[in-house]
């Protein structure tokens, strides 16, 4: 088994091979981008038109994805650094078997 995780693109299709509780996810086949949006919706408690809303509460929640002003103190650094933080959800895949180096020549 490979230990290399690959980042999936938003249009890559996924079919889950394990069952989860129905209250978390009710379908087993979907695009990676839909899973990313689903996770963000659950974490931020925002759905559908909430993302386009001018509601102050929704605007504040969207900042977690778009960027929040913050200061960060990294281990080993010599002080706080100002900037922005954001939450970025990615979907990754680790194949059971590594690709053959000859695969690119077979196509």
N, C-alpha and C. Protein backbone atom coordinates (compact mmCIF):
# COMPACT_ATOMS: atom_id res chain seq x y z
N UNK A 1 0.83 -1.18 0.00
CA UNK A 1 0.00 0.00 0.00
C UNK A 1 0.88 1.24 0.00
N UNK A 2 0.52 2.20 -0.80
CA UNK A 2 1.26 3.45 -0.93
C UNK A 2 1.01 4.34 0.28
N UNK A 3 1.99 5.13 0.64
CA UNK A 3 1.81 6.10 1.71
C UNK A 3 1.76 7.52 1.15
N UNK A 4 1.38 7.65 -0.10
CA UNK A 4 1.32 8.95 -0.77
C UNK A 4 -0.13 9.40 -0.92
N UNK A 5 -0.49 10.47 -0.24
CA UNK A 5 -1.83 11.03 -0.38
C UNK A 5 -1.84 11.95 -1.58
N UNK A 6 -2.91 11.88 -2.38
CA UNK A 6 -3.07 12.72 -3.56
C UNK A 6 -4.26 13.64 -3.33
N UNK A 7 -4.09 14.93 -3.59
CA UNK A 7 -5.19 15.87 -3.46
C UNK A 7 -6.14 15.66 -4.63
N UNK A 8 -7.43 15.53 -4.34
CA UNK A 8 -8.43 15.35 -5.39
C UNK A 8 -8.93 16.71 -5.85
N UNK A 9 -9.24 16.81 -7.14
CA UNK A 9 -9.84 18.01 -7.69
C UNK A 9 -11.33 18.03 -7.41
N UNK A 10 -11.97 19.20 -7.52
CA UNK A 10 -13.39 19.31 -7.19
C UNK A 10 -14.31 18.48 -8.08
N UNK A 11 -13.87 18.11 -9.27
CA UNK A 11 -14.70 17.32 -10.19
C UNK A 11 -14.44 15.82 -10.10
N UNK A 12 -13.45 15.40 -9.30
CA UNK A 12 -13.15 13.97 -9.14
C UNK A 12 -14.31 13.29 -8.41
N UNK A 13 -14.70 12.11 -8.91
CA UNK A 13 -15.83 11.38 -8.32
C UNK A 13 -15.34 10.46 -7.21
N UNK A 14 -16.18 10.30 -6.20
CA UNK A 14 -15.89 9.45 -5.04
C UNK A 14 -17.06 8.51 -4.83
N UNK A 15 -16.77 7.26 -4.57
CA UNK A 15 -17.79 6.31 -4.13
C UNK A 15 -17.31 5.70 -2.84
N UNK A 16 -18.00 5.99 -1.73
CA UNK A 16 -17.61 5.47 -0.43
C UNK A 16 -17.84 3.97 -0.37
N UNK A 17 -16.90 3.25 0.22
CA UNK A 17 -17.01 1.81 0.37
C UNK A 17 -17.37 1.42 1.79
N UNK A 18 -17.55 2.40 2.66
CA UNK A 18 -17.94 2.16 4.05
C UNK A 18 -19.22 2.92 4.33
N UNK A 19 -20.02 2.40 5.24
CA UNK A 19 -21.27 3.05 5.64
C UNK A 19 -21.00 4.03 6.78
N UNK A 20 -21.69 5.17 6.73
CA UNK A 20 -21.63 6.14 7.80
C UNK A 20 -23.03 6.36 8.33
N UNK A 21 -23.13 6.99 9.47
CA UNK A 21 -24.46 7.27 10.00
C UNK A 21 -25.20 8.18 9.02
N UNK A 22 -26.47 7.91 8.84
CA UNK A 22 -27.27 8.63 7.86
C UNK A 22 -27.40 10.12 8.17
N UNK A 23 -27.25 10.52 9.44
CA UNK A 23 -27.37 11.94 9.73
C UNK A 23 -26.14 12.73 9.29
N UNK A 24 -25.03 12.07 9.03
CA UNK A 24 -23.85 12.80 8.54
C UNK A 24 -23.88 12.92 7.03
N UNK A 25 -23.99 11.81 6.32
CA UNK A 25 -24.02 11.85 4.87
C UNK A 25 -24.94 10.74 4.38
N UNK A 26 -25.84 11.08 3.47
CA UNK A 26 -26.87 10.14 3.07
C UNK A 26 -26.62 9.49 1.72
N UNK A 27 -25.63 9.96 0.97
CA UNK A 27 -25.33 9.38 -0.34
C UNK A 27 -23.92 8.79 -0.33
N UNK A 28 -23.66 7.86 -1.22
CA UNK A 28 -22.33 7.24 -1.22
C UNK A 28 -21.49 7.62 -2.44
N UNK A 29 -22.09 8.27 -3.45
CA UNK A 29 -21.34 8.67 -4.64
C UNK A 29 -21.54 10.17 -4.87
N UNK A 30 -20.43 10.89 -5.01
CA UNK A 30 -20.50 12.34 -5.16
C UNK A 30 -19.16 12.86 -5.66
N UNK A 31 -19.13 14.12 -6.09
CA UNK A 31 -17.89 14.76 -6.51
C UNK A 31 -17.16 15.31 -5.29
N UNK A 32 -15.85 15.36 -5.38
CA UNK A 32 -15.02 15.85 -4.29
C UNK A 32 -15.42 17.26 -3.86
N UNK A 33 -15.71 18.13 -4.82
CA UNK A 33 -16.11 19.50 -4.50
C UNK A 33 -17.38 19.57 -3.68
N UNK A 34 -18.30 18.63 -3.93
CA UNK A 34 -19.55 18.58 -3.15
C UNK A 34 -19.26 18.18 -1.71
N UNK A 35 -18.31 17.26 -1.52
CA UNK A 35 -17.94 16.86 -0.16
C UNK A 35 -17.30 18.03 0.58
N UNK A 36 -16.42 18.75 -0.10
CA UNK A 36 -15.79 19.92 0.50
C UNK A 36 -16.84 20.93 0.95
N UNK A 37 -17.80 21.22 0.07
CA UNK A 37 -18.85 22.18 0.41
C UNK A 37 -19.73 21.65 1.54
N UNK A 38 -20.02 20.36 1.54
CA UNK A 38 -20.81 19.74 2.59
C UNK A 38 -20.14 19.91 3.95
N UNK A 39 -18.84 19.64 4.02
CA UNK A 39 -18.09 19.77 5.28
C UNK A 39 -18.10 21.22 5.75
N UNK A 40 -17.87 22.15 4.83
CA UNK A 40 -17.90 23.57 5.21
C UNK A 40 -19.30 23.96 5.70
N UNK A 41 -20.34 23.49 5.01
CA UNK A 41 -21.71 23.80 5.43
C UNK A 41 -21.96 23.30 6.85
N UNK A 42 -21.55 22.07 7.13
CA UNK A 42 -21.75 21.49 8.47
C UNK A 42 -20.98 22.27 9.53
N UNK A 43 -19.71 22.58 9.23
CA UNK A 43 -18.87 23.28 10.22
C UNK A 43 -19.37 24.69 10.49
N UNK A 44 -19.81 25.40 9.45
CA UNK A 44 -20.22 26.79 9.60
C UNK A 44 -21.73 26.95 9.77
N UNK A 45 -22.47 25.83 9.69
CA UNK A 45 -23.92 25.85 9.80
C UNK A 45 -24.54 26.83 8.80
N UNK A 46 -24.07 26.74 7.55
CA UNK A 46 -24.57 27.59 6.46
C UNK A 46 -24.96 26.69 5.30
N UNK A 47 -26.09 26.99 4.68
CA UNK A 47 -26.60 26.15 3.60
C UNK A 47 -27.14 26.99 2.47
N UNK A 48 -27.05 26.48 1.25
CA UNK A 48 -27.66 27.10 0.08
C UNK A 48 -27.39 28.58 -0.06
N UNK A 49 -28.45 29.36 -0.01
CA UNK A 49 -28.37 30.81 -0.24
C UNK A 49 -27.67 31.56 0.89
N UNK A 50 -27.40 30.90 2.02
CA UNK A 50 -26.66 31.55 3.11
C UNK A 50 -25.33 32.09 2.60
N UNK A 51 -24.70 31.41 1.63
CA UNK A 51 -23.39 31.81 1.13
C UNK A 51 -23.46 33.12 0.35
N UNK A 52 -24.63 33.46 -0.23
CA UNK A 52 -24.78 34.72 -0.95
C UNK A 52 -25.42 35.80 -0.08
N UNK A 53 -25.82 35.46 1.11
CA UNK A 53 -26.56 36.37 1.99
C UNK A 53 -25.68 37.51 2.49
N UNK A 54 -26.34 38.67 2.70
CA UNK A 54 -25.67 39.82 3.31
C UNK A 54 -25.94 39.88 4.81
N UNK A 55 -26.57 38.86 5.35
CA UNK A 55 -26.84 38.76 6.78
C UNK A 55 -25.50 38.85 7.52
N UNK A 56 -25.42 39.71 8.53
CA UNK A 56 -24.16 39.93 9.26
C UNK A 56 -23.60 38.63 9.83
N UNK A 57 -24.47 37.78 10.36
CA UNK A 57 -24.03 36.51 10.92
C UNK A 57 -23.38 35.63 9.85
N UNK A 58 -23.98 35.58 8.65
CA UNK A 58 -23.42 34.78 7.55
C UNK A 58 -22.11 35.38 7.05
N UNK A 59 -22.04 36.72 6.98
CA UNK A 59 -20.80 37.36 6.54
C UNK A 59 -19.65 37.02 7.48
N UNK A 60 -19.92 37.01 8.77
CA UNK A 60 -18.87 36.67 9.74
C UNK A 60 -18.43 35.22 9.59
N UNK A 61 -19.37 34.31 9.34
CA UNK A 61 -19.03 32.90 9.17
C UNK A 61 -18.22 32.67 7.89
N UNK A 62 -18.58 33.40 6.81
CA UNK A 62 -17.85 33.25 5.54
C UNK A 62 -16.39 33.67 5.68
N UNK A 63 -16.10 34.55 6.62
CA UNK A 63 -14.73 35.02 6.81
C UNK A 63 -13.79 33.87 7.19
N UNK A 64 -14.32 32.81 7.79
CA UNK A 64 -13.48 31.65 8.12
C UNK A 64 -12.92 31.02 6.85
N UNK A 65 -13.62 31.15 5.74
CA UNK A 65 -13.19 30.58 4.46
C UNK A 65 -12.42 31.62 3.64
N UNK A 66 -12.84 32.87 3.71
CA UNK A 66 -12.23 33.93 2.91
C UNK A 66 -10.98 34.52 3.54
N UNK A 67 -10.90 34.50 4.86
CA UNK A 67 -9.72 35.02 5.56
C UNK A 67 -10.09 35.95 6.70
N UNK A 68 -9.53 35.69 7.86
CA UNK A 68 -9.73 36.50 9.07
C UNK A 68 -8.41 37.13 9.47
N UNK A 69 -8.44 38.40 9.87
CA UNK A 69 -7.24 39.03 10.40
C UNK A 69 -6.85 38.30 11.69
N UNK A 70 -5.58 38.03 11.82
CA UNK A 70 -5.11 37.27 12.99
C UNK A 70 -3.63 37.53 13.22
N UNK A 71 -3.16 37.07 14.36
CA UNK A 71 -1.74 37.04 14.65
C UNK A 71 -1.39 35.60 14.97
N UNK A 72 -0.22 35.16 14.52
CA UNK A 72 0.20 33.77 14.72
C UNK A 72 1.56 33.76 15.40
N UNK A 73 1.69 32.89 16.39
CA UNK A 73 2.97 32.65 17.04
C UNK A 73 3.36 31.22 16.73
N UNK A 74 4.31 31.06 15.82
CA UNK A 74 4.74 29.72 15.40
C UNK A 74 5.83 29.21 16.33
N UNK A 75 5.83 27.91 16.53
CA UNK A 75 6.86 27.28 17.36
C UNK A 75 8.23 27.59 16.75
N UNK A 76 9.12 28.06 17.57
CA UNK A 76 10.48 28.36 17.11
C UNK A 76 10.65 29.76 16.56
N UNK A 77 9.55 30.54 16.47
CA UNK A 77 9.68 31.90 15.95
C UNK A 77 9.96 32.86 17.10
N UNK A 78 10.25 34.10 16.75
CA UNK A 78 10.64 35.08 17.76
C UNK A 78 9.58 36.16 17.96
N UNK A 79 8.34 35.80 17.84
CA UNK A 79 7.28 36.76 18.10
C UNK A 79 6.06 36.53 17.23
N UNK A 80 5.04 37.28 17.54
CA UNK A 80 3.78 37.19 16.82
C UNK A 80 3.91 37.82 15.45
N UNK A 81 3.25 37.23 14.46
CA UNK A 81 3.26 37.77 13.10
C UNK A 81 1.82 38.03 12.68
N UNK A 82 1.55 39.25 12.17
CA UNK A 82 0.21 39.62 11.74
C UNK A 82 -0.04 39.12 10.32
N UNK A 83 -1.30 38.80 10.06
CA UNK A 83 -1.69 38.35 8.73
C UNK A 83 -3.13 37.89 8.74
N UNK A 84 -3.43 36.91 7.93
CA UNK A 84 -4.78 36.35 7.84
C UNK A 84 -4.71 34.83 7.98
N UNK A 85 -5.80 34.26 8.49
CA UNK A 85 -5.94 32.81 8.53
C UNK A 85 -7.23 32.46 7.80
N UNK A 86 -7.30 31.24 7.32
CA UNK A 86 -8.54 30.74 6.73
C UNK A 86 -8.59 29.23 6.89
N UNK A 87 -9.80 28.70 6.85
CA UNK A 87 -10.01 27.27 6.89
C UNK A 87 -10.14 26.80 5.45
N UNK A 88 -9.35 25.80 5.10
CA UNK A 88 -9.36 25.26 3.74
C UNK A 88 -9.56 23.75 3.85
N UNK A 89 -10.65 23.27 3.28
CA UNK A 89 -10.96 21.85 3.32
C UNK A 89 -10.49 21.21 2.02
N UNK A 90 -9.68 20.16 2.12
CA UNK A 90 -9.26 19.41 0.93
C UNK A 90 -9.65 17.96 1.10
N UNK A 91 -9.87 17.30 -0.01
CA UNK A 91 -10.15 15.87 -0.02
C UNK A 91 -8.95 15.20 -0.65
N UNK A 92 -8.41 14.19 0.03
CA UNK A 92 -7.24 13.48 -0.46
C UNK A 92 -7.54 12.00 -0.59
N UNK A 93 -6.77 11.34 -1.43
CA UNK A 93 -6.95 9.92 -1.73
C UNK A 93 -5.60 9.23 -1.68
N UNK A 94 -5.56 8.03 -1.07
CA UNK A 94 -4.34 7.22 -1.05
C UNK A 94 -4.67 5.89 -1.72
N UNK A 95 -4.11 5.64 -2.93
CA UNK A 95 -4.40 4.38 -3.61
C UNK A 95 -3.86 3.19 -2.83
N UNK A 96 -4.58 2.06 -2.91
CA UNK A 96 -4.11 0.83 -2.27
C UNK A 96 -2.82 0.34 -2.92
N UNK A 97 -2.74 0.50 -4.22
CA UNK A 97 -1.54 0.07 -4.95
C UNK A 97 -0.97 1.26 -5.70
N UNK A 98 0.35 1.45 -5.63
CA UNK A 98 0.95 2.57 -6.35
C UNK A 98 0.81 2.38 -7.86
N UNK A 99 0.79 3.52 -8.56
CA UNK A 99 0.75 3.47 -10.02
C UNK A 99 2.08 2.94 -10.54
N UNK A 100 2.01 2.22 -11.62
CA UNK A 100 3.23 1.71 -12.26
C UNK A 100 3.91 2.84 -13.01
N UNK A 101 5.23 2.91 -12.98
CA UNK A 101 5.94 3.93 -13.75
C UNK A 101 5.69 3.77 -15.26
N UNK A 102 5.21 2.59 -15.68
CA UNK A 102 4.95 2.36 -17.09
C UNK A 102 3.55 2.80 -17.52
N UNK A 103 2.68 3.16 -16.57
CA UNK A 103 1.30 3.53 -16.90
C UNK A 103 1.22 4.67 -17.92
N UNK A 104 2.12 5.66 -17.80
CA UNK A 104 2.05 6.79 -18.72
C UNK A 104 2.36 6.38 -20.16
N UNK A 105 3.12 5.29 -20.36
CA UNK A 105 3.46 4.83 -21.71
C UNK A 105 2.37 3.93 -22.29
N UNK A 106 1.51 3.39 -21.44
CA UNK A 106 0.45 2.46 -21.89
C UNK A 106 -0.73 3.22 -22.51
N UNK A 107 -0.86 4.51 -22.23
CA UNK A 107 -2.02 5.27 -22.72
C UNK A 107 -1.93 5.63 -24.16
